[in-house]
Every structure is written in C-alpha cells, then in structure tokens.
C-alpha cells in the first residue's frame, strides 16, 4: 500500500495573501529593509461572489448604467464627428 506524502489532501488556493518581510542588520551590512505585499487571487469562487454582489447591489447597477450612458454618449459623438473630418 502506498503512503501519501500529504496526509490531508491537496491544499486549496488562497483567495487573498499578505506577505511581510522585515530585515535589520547592523555590523553585517543591510541596515533595515521592509517589504509588504498584499495579493488578491481571482479564484472561481471569488469571481462568482463578486459577480453576485455586483448583480444584486443597486449602487453597482446604477454605476454600470452611468458608465454605459457616458460611453454611449462618447461613442455617438465620435461616430458623428468621424465622417466630418
């Protein structure tokens, strides 16, 4: 019988990750280094959650309508001005 290297199965990909690194040396060079990183990974579950929030949120629908109306207005002006030049 084969034994598994990982007893609890495969690890799922994280949705978000925060990394921090701080180094400080005095006599051995490098006197203070600080690094911080925040990453949000687009997993299928996270993408579905964002889409559901955007669909059911009235503010996001209003914003989408505003963006659509402005792009339609700019597109109309661009098309009408195009043949004149």
PDB file of N, CA and C in Angstrom:
ATOM      1  N   UNK A   1       0.832  -1.172   0.000  1.00  0.00           N
ATOM      2  CA  UNK A   1       0.000   0.000   0.000  1.00  0.00           C
ATOM      3  C   UNK A   1       0.887   1.249   0.000  1.00  0.00           C
ATOM      4  N   UNK A   2       0.521   2.196  -0.844  1.00  0.00           N
ATOM      5  CA  UNK A   2       1.296   3.430  -0.945  1.00  0.00           C
ATOM      6  C   UNK A   2       0.899   4.411   0.155  1.00  0.00           C
ATOM      7  N   UNK A   3       1.884   5.070   0.706  1.00  0.00           N
ATOM      8  CA  UNK A   3       1.602   6.109   1.699  1.00  0.00           C
ATOM      9  C   UNK A   3       1.697   7.466   1.024  1.00  0.00           C
ATOM     10  N   UNK A   4       0.802   8.322   1.415  1.00  0.00           N
ATOM     11  CA  UNK A   4       0.778   9.664   0.822  1.00  0.00           C
ATOM     12  C   UNK A   4       1.767  10.578   1.528  1.00  0.00           C
ATOM     13  N   UNK A   5       2.324  11.485   0.745  1.00  0.00           N
ATOM     14  CA  UNK A   5       3.224  12.482   1.330  1.00  0.00           C
ATOM     15  C   UNK A   5       2.429  13.535   2.103  1.00  0.00           C
ATOM     16  N   UNK A   6       1.265  13.900   1.565  1.00  0.00           N
ATOM     17  CA  UNK A   6       0.409  14.898   2.198  1.00  0.00           C
ATOM     18  C   UNK A   6      -0.803  14.171   2.784  1.00  0.00           C
ATOM     19  N   UNK A   7      -0.915  14.080   4.087  1.00  0.00           N
ATOM     20  CA  UNK A   7      -1.982  13.280   4.681  1.00  0.00           C
ATOM     21  C   UNK A   7      -3.375  13.873   4.541  1.00  0.00           C
ATOM     22  N   UNK A   8      -3.495  15.158   4.351  1.00  0.00           N
ATOM     23  CA  UNK A   8      -4.818  15.771   4.320  1.00  0.00           C
ATOM     24  C   UNK A   8      -5.262  16.185   2.920  1.00  0.00           C
ATOM     25  N   UNK A   9      -4.642  15.701   1.889  1.00  0.00           N
ATOM     26  CA  UNK A   9      -5.059  16.015   0.530  1.00  0.00           C
ATOM     27  C   UNK A   9      -4.428  17.283   0.001  1.00  0.00           C
ATOM     28  N   UNK A  10      -5.006  17.767  -1.079  1.00  0.00           N
ATOM     29  CA  UNK A  10      -4.465  18.946  -1.743  1.00  0.00           C
ATOM     30  C   UNK A  10      -4.906  20.231  -1.065  1.00  0.00           C
ATOM     31  N   UNK A  11      -4.030  21.176  -0.991  1.00  0.00           N
ATOM     32  CA  UNK A  11      -4.338  22.470  -0.394  1.00  0.00           C
ATOM     33  C   UNK A  11      -5.002  23.364  -1.426  1.00  0.00           C
ATOM     34  N   UNK A  12      -6.106  24.004  -1.023  1.00  0.00           N
ATOM     35  CA  UNK A  12      -6.794  24.915  -1.936  1.00  0.00           C
ATOM     36  C   UNK A  12      -6.011  26.214  -2.090  1.00  0.00           C
ATOM     37  N   UNK A  13      -6.183  26.834  -3.226  1.00  0.00           N
ATOM     38  CA  UNK A  13      -5.501  28.113  -3.476  1.00  0.00           C
ATOM     39  C   UNK A  13      -6.122  29.190  -2.591  1.00  0.00           C
ATOM     40  N   UNK A  14      -5.312  30.087  -2.030  1.00  0.00           N
ATOM     41  CA  UNK A  14      -5.867  31.132  -1.171  1.00  0.00           C
ATOM     42  C   UNK A  14      -6.585  32.208  -1.980  1.00  0.00           C
ATOM     43  N   UNK A  15      -7.553  32.857  -1.356  1.00  0.00           N
ATOM     44  CA  UNK A  15      -8.273  33.951  -2.008  1.00  0.00           C
ATOM     45  C   UNK A  15      -7.445  35.226  -1.921  1.00  0.00           C
ATOM     46  N   UNK A  16      -6.852  35.449  -0.769  1.00  0.00           N
ATOM     47  CA  UNK A  16      -6.004  36.630  -0.570  1.00  0.00           C
ATOM     48  C   UNK A  16      -4.801  36.226   0.270  1.00  0.00           C
ATOM     49  N   UNK A  17      -3.715  36.972   0.084  1.00  0.00           N
ATOM     50  CA  UNK A  17      -2.490  36.635   0.797  1.00  0.00           C
ATOM     51  C   UNK A  17      -1.741  37.916   1.150  1.00  0.00           C
ATOM     52  N   UNK A  18      -1.238  37.970   2.367  1.00  0.00           N
ATOM     53  CA  UNK A  18      -0.457  39.108   2.820  1.00  0.00           C
ATOM     54  C   UNK A  18       0.940  38.612   3.170  1.00  0.00           C
ATOM     55  N   UNK A  19       1.941  39.246   2.589  1.00  0.00           N
ATOM     56  CA  UNK A  19       3.325  38.873   2.862  1.00  0.00           C
ATOM     57  C   UNK A  19       4.040  40.071   3.478  1.00  0.00           C
ATOM     58  N   UNK A  20       4.891  39.799   4.447  1.00  0.00           N
ATOM     59  CA  UNK A  20       5.644  40.859   5.094  1.00  0.00           C
ATOM     60  C   UNK A  20       7.059  40.376   5.356  1.00  0.00           C
ATOM     61  N   UNK A  21       8.025  41.243   5.130  1.00  0.00           N
ATOM     62  CA  UNK A  21       9.423  40.903   5.347  1.00  0.00           C
ATOM     63  C   UNK A  21      10.115  42.109   5.967  1.00  0.00           C
ATOM     64  N   UNK A  22      10.744  41.902   7.084  1.00  0.00           N
ATOM     65  CA  UNK A  22      11.492  42.972   7.738  1.00  0.00           C
ATOM     66  C   UNK A  22      12.867  42.436   8.100  1.00  0.00           C
ATOM     67  N   UNK A  23      13.894  43.109   7.654  1.00  0.00           N
ATOM     68  CA  UNK A  23      15.267  42.710   7.961  1.00  0.00           C
ATOM     69  C   UNK A  23      16.013  43.915   8.523  1.00  0.00           C
ATOM     70  N   UNK A  24      16.869  43.645   9.484  1.00  0.00           N
ATOM     71  CA  UNK A  24      17.665  44.721  10.059  1.00  0.00           C
ATOM     72  C   UNK A  24      18.985  44.136  10.545  1.00  0.00           C
ATOM     73  N   UNK A  25      20.059  44.593   9.957  1.00  0.00           N
ATOM     74  CA  UNK A  25      21.394  44.175  10.365  1.00  0.00           C
ATOM     75  C   UNK A  25      22.168  45.439  10.732  1.00  0.00           C
ATOM     76  N   UNK A  26      23.157  45.309  11.531  1.00  0.00           N
ATOM     77  CA  UNK A  26      23.992  46.466  11.860  1.00  0.00           C
ATOM     78  C   UNK A  26      25.419  46.269  11.358  1.00  0.00           C
ATOM     79  N   UNK A  27      26.150  45.390  11.970  1.00  0.00           N
ATOM     80  CA  UNK A  27      27.543  45.186  11.571  1.00  0.00           C
ATOM     81  C   UNK A  27      27.661  44.300  10.337  1.00  0.00           C
ATOM     82  N   UNK A  28      26.713  43.444  10.123  1.00  0.00           N
ATOM     83  CA  UNK A  28      26.755  42.566   8.959  1.00  0.00           C
ATOM     84  C   UNK A  28      26.055  43.168   7.751  1.00  0.00           C
ATOM     85  N   UNK A  29      26.144  44.508   7.577  1.00  0.00           N
ATOM     86  CA  UNK A  29      25.537  45.220   6.453  1.00  0.00           C
ATOM     87  C   UNK A  29      24.009  45.343   6.599  1.00  0.00           C
ATOM     88  N   UNK A  30      23.349  45.613   5.526  1.00  0.00           N
ATOM     89  CA  UNK A  30      21.896  45.778   5.391  1.00  0.00           C
ATOM     90  C   UNK A  30      21.237  46.327   6.649  1.00  0.00           C
ATOM     91  N   UNK A  31      21.121  47.613   6.706  1.00  0.00           N
ATOM     92  CA  UNK A  31      20.528  48.266   7.865  1.00  0.00           C
ATOM     93  C   UNK A  31      19.077  48.638   7.568  1.00  0.00           C
ATOM     94  N   UNK A  32      18.204  47.744   7.807  1.00  0.00           N
ATOM     95  CA  UNK A  32      16.751  47.895   7.710  1.00  0.00           C
ATOM     96  C   UNK A  32      16.216  47.749   6.280  1.00  0.00           C
ATOM     97  N   UNK A  33      15.362  46.813   6.115  1.00  0.00           N
ATOM     98  CA  UNK A  33      14.669  46.573   4.843  1.00  0.00           C
ATOM     99  C   UNK A  33      13.259  46.136   5.186  1.00  0.00           C
ATOM    100  N   UNK A  34      12.296  46.725   4.569  1.00  0.00           N
ATOM    101  CA  UNK A  34      10.906  46.433   4.890  1.00  0.00           C
ATOM    102  C   UNK A  34      10.137  46.198   3.591  1.00  0.00           C
ATOM    103  N   UNK A  35       9.446  45.112   3.509  1.00  0.00           N
ATOM    104  CA  UNK A  35       8.711  44.777   2.293  1.00  0.00           C
ATOM    105  C   UNK A  35       7.345  44.242   2.679  1.00  0.00           C
ATOM    106  N   UNK A  36       6.303  44.787   2.100  1.00  0.00           N
ATOM    107  CA  UNK A  36       4.954  44.314   2.357  1.00  0.00           C
ATOM    108  C   UNK A  36       4.253  44.109   1.016  1.00  0.00           C
ATOM    109  N   UNK A  37       3.460  43.070   0.939  1.00  0.00           N
ATOM    110  CA  UNK A  37       2.736  42.783  -0.305  1.00  0.00           C
ATOM    111  C   UNK A  37       1.380  42.193   0.040  1.00  0.00           C
ATOM    112  N   UNK A  38       0.367  42.673  -0.652  1.00  0.00           N
ATOM    113  CA  UNK A  38      -0.977  42.143  -0.489  1.00  0.00           C
ATOM    114  C   UNK A  38      -1.456  41.716  -1.867  1.00  0.00           C
ATOM    115  N   UNK A  39      -1.872  40.487  -1.994  1.00  0.00           N
ATOM    116  CA  UNK A  39      -2.305  39.963  -3.287  1.00  0.00           C
ATOM    117  C   UNK A  39      -3.686  39.337  -3.146  1.00  0.00           C
ATOM    118  N   UNK A  40      -4.555  39.628  -4.106  1.00  0.00           N
ATOM    119  CA  UNK A  40      -5.877  39.019  -4.168  1.00  0.00           C
ATOM    120  C   UNK A  40      -5.893  38.145  -5.417  1.00  0.00           C
ATOM    121  N   UNK A  41      -6.129  36.868  -5.220  1.00  0.00           N
ATOM    122  CA  UNK A  41      -6.137  35.926  -6.335  1.00  0.00           C
ATOM    123  C   UNK A  41      -7.565  35.714  -6.818  1.00  0.00           C
ATOM    124  N   UNK A  42      -7.748  35.674  -8.113  1.00  0.00           N
ATOM    125  CA  UNK A  42      -9.067  35.512  -8.697  1.00  0.00           C
ATOM    126  C   UNK A  42      -9.345  34.021  -8.869  1.00  0.00           C
ATOM    127  N   UNK A  43      -9.954  33.440  -7.866  1.00  0.00           N
ATOM    128  CA  UNK A  43     -10.357  32.041  -7.937  1.00  0.00           C
ATOM    129  C   UNK A  43     -11.793  31.989  -8.442  1.00  0.00           C
ATOM    130  N   UNK A  44     -12.244  30.866  -8.941  1.00  0.00           N
ATOM    131  CA  UNK A  44     -13.634  30.790  -9.433  1.00  0.00           C
ATOM    132  C   UNK A  44     -14.666  31.144  -8.360  1.00  0.00           C
ATOM    133  N   UNK A  45     -14.437  30.715  -7.138  1.00  0.00           N
ATOM    134  CA  UNK A  45     -15.373  31.040  -6.069  1.00  0.00           C
ATOM    135  C   UNK A  45     -15.403  32.540  -5.798  1.00  0.00           C
ATOM    136  N   UNK A  46     -14.237  33.176  -5.785  1.00  0.00           N
ATOM    137  CA  UNK A  46     -14.157  34.615  -5.564  1.00  0.00           C
ATOM    138  C   UNK A  46     -14.820  35.378  -6.718  1.00  0.00           C
ATOM    139  N   UNK A  47     -14.607  34.915  -7.958  1.00  0.00           N
ATOM    140  CA  UNK A  47     -15.212  35.573  -9.119  1.00  0.00           C
ATOM    141  C   UNK A  47     -16.733  35.479  -9.066  1.00  0.00           C
ATOM    142  N   UNK A  48     -17.253  34.335  -8.696  1.00  0.00           N
ATOM    143  CA  UNK A  48     -18.706  34.170  -8.587  1.00  0.00           C
ATOM    144  C   UNK A  48     -19.259  35.070  -7.492  1.00  0.00           C
ATOM    145  N   UNK A  49     -18.566  35.161  -6.375  1.00  0.00           N
ATOM    146  CA  UNK A  49     -19.021  36.025  -5.278  1.00  0.00           C
ATOM    147  C   UNK A  49     -19.051  37.484  -5.710  1.00  0.00           C
ATOM    148  N   UNK A  50     -18.036  37.932  -6.427  1.00  0.00           N
ATOM    149  CA  UNK A  50     -18.000  39.324  -6.898  1.00  0.00           C
ATOM    150  C   UNK A  50     -19.131  39.586  -7.883  1.00  0.00           C
ATOM    151  N   UNK A  51     -19.379  38.663  -8.793  1.00  0.00           N
ATOM    152  CA  UNK A  51     -20.457  38.834  -9.778  1.00  0.00           C
ATOM    153  C   UNK A  51     -21.808  38.884  -9.079  1.00  0.00           C
ATOM    154  N   UNK A  52     -22.026  38.029  -8.096  1.00  0.00           N
ATOM    155  CA  UNK A  52     -23.298  38.040  -7.363  1.00  0.00           C
ATOM    156  C   UNK A  52     -23.481  39.356  -6.626  1.00  0.00           C
ATOM    157  N   UNK A  53     -22.423  39.841  -6.001  1.00  0.00           N
ATOM    158  CA  UNK A  53     -22.511  41.121  -5.292  1.00  0.00           C
ATOM    159  C   UNK A  53     -22.815  42.249  -6.264  1.00  0.00           C
ATOM    160  N   UNK A  54     -22.164  42.240  -7.421  1.00  0.00           N
ATOM    161  CA  UNK A  54     -22.399  43.299  -8.404  1.00  0.00           C
ATOM    162  C   UNK A  54     -23.795  43.232  -9.005  1.00  0.00           C
ATOM    163  N   UNK A  55     -24.342  42.045  -9.152  1.00  0.00           N
ATOM    164  CA  UNK A  55     -25.686  41.915  -9.729  1.00  0.00           C
ATOM    165  C   UNK A  55     -26.740  42.419  -8.756  1.00  0.00           C
ATOM    166  N   UNK A  56     -26.619  42.055  -7.489  1.00  0.00           N
ATOM    167  CA  UNK A  56     -27.663  42.383  -6.528  1.00  0.00           C
ATOM    168  C   UNK A  56     -27.487  43.732  -5.847  1.00  0.00           C
ATOM    169  N   UNK A  57     -26.378  44.397  -6.033  1.00  0.00           N
ATOM    170  CA  UNK A  57     -26.146  45.688  -5.404  1.00  0.00           C
ATOM    171  C   UNK A  57     -26.737  46.805  -6.267  1.00  0.00           C
ATOM    172  N   UNK A  58     -27.667  47.597  -5.734  1.00  0.00           N
ATOM    173  CA  UNK A  58     -28.258  48.676  -6.531  1.00  0.00           C
ATOM    174  C   UNK A  58     -27.251  49.763  -6.902  1.00  0.00           C
ATOM    175  N   UNK A  59     -26.255  49.992  -6.034  1.00  0.00           N
ATOM    176  CA  UNK A  59     -25.259  51.010  -6.343  1.00  0.00           C
ATOM    177  C   UNK A  59     -24.414  50.601  -7.543  1.00  0.00           C
ATOM    178  N   UNK A  60     -24.053  49.337  -7.620  1.00  0.00           N
ATOM    179  CA  UNK A  60     -23.236  48.892  -8.749  1.00  0.00           C
ATOM    180  C   UNK A  60     -24.039  48.916 -10.044  1.00  0.00           C
ATOM    181  N   UNK A  61     -25.332  48.595  -9.961  1.00  0.00           N
ATOM    182  CA  UNK A  61     -26.154  48.687 -11.173  1.00  0.00           C
ATOM    183  C   UNK A  61     -26.287  50.134 -11.633  1.00  0.00           C
ATOM    184  N   UNK A  62     -26.434  51.064 -10.694  1.00  0.00           N
ATOM    185  CA  UNK A  62     -26.520  52.484 -11.056  1.00  0.00           C
ATOM    186  C   UNK A  62     -25.214  52.959 -11.673  1.00  0.00           C
ATOM    187  N   UNK A  63     -24.082  52.521 -11.118  1.00  0.00           N
ATOM    188  CA  UNK A  63     -22.784  52.884 -11.675  1.00  0.00           C
ATOM    189  C   UNK A  63     -22.624  52.310 -13.080  1.00  0.00           C
ATOM    190  N   UNK A  64     -23.050  51.067 -13.279  1.00  0.00           N
ATOM    191  CA  UNK A  64     -22.961  50.459 -14.607  1.00  0.00           C
ATOM    192  C   UNK A  64     -23.827  51.211 -15.608  1.00  0.00           C
ATOM    193  N   UNK A  65     -24.996  51.649 -15.199  1.00  0.00           N
ATOM    194  CA  UNK A  65     -25.855  52.435 -16.096  1.00  0.00           C
ATOM    195  C   UNK A  65     -25.215  53.771 -16.438  1.00  0.00           C
ATOM    196  N   UNK A  66     -24.603  54.418 -15.449  1.00  0.00           N
ATOM    197  CA  UNK A  66     -23.923  55.687 -15.708  1.00  0.00           C
ATOM    198  C   UNK A  66     -22.761  55.506 -16.684  1.00  0.00           C
ATOM    199  N   UNK A  67     -21.954  54.488 -16.461  1.00  0.00           N
ATOM    200  CA  UNK A  67     -20.815  54.232 -17.350  1.00  0.00           C
ATOM    201  C   UNK A  67     -21.306  53.895 -18.745  1.00  0.00           C
ATOM    202  N   UNK A  68     -22.359  53.097 -18.834  1.00  0.00           N
ATOM    203  CA  UNK A  68     -22.929  52.755 -20.142  1.00  0.00           C
ATOM    204  C   UNK A  68     -23.481  53.971 -20.867  1.00  0.00           C
ATOM    205  N   UNK A  69     -24.170  54.846 -20.150  1.00  0.00           N
ATOM    206  CA  UNK A  69     -24.726  56.054 -20.764  1.00  0.00           C
ATOM    207  C   UNK A  69     -23.619  56.986 -21.259  1.00  0.00           C
ATOM    208  N   UNK A  70     -22.561  57.158 -20.437  1.00  0.00           N
ATOM    209  CA  UNK A  70     -21.447  58.024 -20.857  1.00  0.00           C
ATOM    210  C   UNK A  70     -20.719  57.434 -22.060  1.00  0.00           C
ATOM    211  N   UNK A  71     -20.484  56.127 -22.056  1.00  0.00           N
ATOM    212  CA  UNK A  71     -19.789  55.522 -23.202  1.00  0.00           C
ATOM    213  C   UNK A  71     -20.650  55.603 -24.457  1.00  0.00           C
ATOM    214  N   UNK A  72     -21.968  55.450 -24.322  1.00  0.00           N
ATOM    215  CA  UNK A  72     -22.858  55.596 -25.470  1.00  0.00           C
ATOM    216  C   UNK A  72     -22.816  57.021 -26.002  1.00  0.00           C
ATOM    217  N   UNK A  73     -22.785  57.992 -25.090  1.00  0.00           N
ATOM    218  CA  UNK A  73     -22.729  59.398 -25.490  1.00  0.00           C
ATOM    219  C   UNK A  73     -21.410  59.717 -26.204  1.00  0.00           C
ATOM    220  N   UNK A  74     -20.283  59.243 -25.647  1.00  0.00           N
ATOM    221  CA  UNK A  74     -18.990  59.468 -26.292  1.00  0.00           C
ATOM    222  C   UNK A  74     -18.914  58.758 -27.638  1.00  0.00           C
ATOM    223  N   UNK A  75     -19.449  57.546 -27.701  1.00  0.00           N
ATOM    224  CA  UNK A  75     -19.438  56.798 -28.957  1.00  0.00           C
ATOM    225  C   UNK A  75     -20.277  57.476 -30.026  1.00  0.00           C
ATOM    226  N   UNK A  76     -21.429  57.994 -29.628  1.00  0.00           N
ATOM    227  CA  UNK A  76     -22.302  58.699 -30.570  1.00  0.00           C
ATOM    228  C   UNK A  76     -21.604  59.938 -31.112  1.00  0.00           C
ATOM    229  N   UNK A  77     -20.978  60.720 -30.223  1.00  0.00           N
ATOM    230  CA  UNK A  77     -20.257  61.913 -30.653  1.00  0.00           C
ATOM    231  C   UNK A  77     -19.082  61.545 -31.573  1.00  0.00           C
ATOM    232  N   UNK A  78     -18.374  60.480 -31.250  1.00  0.00           N
ATOM    233  CA  UNK A  78     -17.222  60.052 -32.043  1.00  0.00           C
ATOM    234  C   UNK A  78     -17.659  59.603 -33.437  1.00  0.00           C
ATOM    235  N   UNK A  79     -18.756  58.868 -33.508  1.00  0.00           N
ATOM    236  CA  UNK A  79     -19.260  58.407 -34.806  1.00  0.00           C
ATOM    237  C   UNK A  79     -19.755  59.572 -35.636  1.00  0.00           C
ATOM    238  N   UNK A  80     -20.458  60.541 -35.016  1.00  0.00           N
ATOM    239  CA  UNK A  80     -20.983  61.671 -35.764  1.00  0.00           C
ATOM    240  C   UNK A  80     -19.876  62.618 -36.215  1.00  0.00           C
ATOM    241  N   UNK A  81     -18.815  62.774 -35.439  1.00  0.00           N
ATOM    242  CA  UNK A  81     -17.728  63.648 -35.823  1.00  0.00           C
ATOM    243  C   UNK A  81     -16.765  62.999 -36.792  1.00  0.00           C
ATOM    244  N   UNK A  82     -16.707  61.665 -36.806  1.00  0.00           N
ATOM    245  CA  UNK A  82     -15.775  60.950 -37.653  1.00  0.00           C
ATOM    246  C   UNK A  82     -15.883  61.279 -39.142  1.00  0.00           C
ATOM    247  N   UNK A  83     -17.067  61.181 -39.747  1.00  0.00           N
ATOM    248  CA  UNK A  83     -17.186  61.458 -41.190  1.00  0.00           C
ATOM    249  C   UNK A  83     -16.955  62.915 -41.557  1.00  0.00           C
ATOM    250  N   UNK A  84     -17.115  63.862 -40.622  1.00  0.00           N
ATOM    251  CA  UNK A  84     -16.929  65.268 -40.941  1.00  0.00           C
ATOM    252  C   UNK A  84     -15.477  65.626 -41.179  1.00  0.00           C
ATOM    253  N   UNK A  85     -14.536  64.905 -40.564  1.00  0.00           N
ATOM    254  CA  UNK A  85     -13.121  65.273 -40.699  1.00  0.00           C
ATOM    255  C   UNK A  85     -12.489  64.648 -41.882  1.00  0.00           C
TER     256      UNK A  85
END
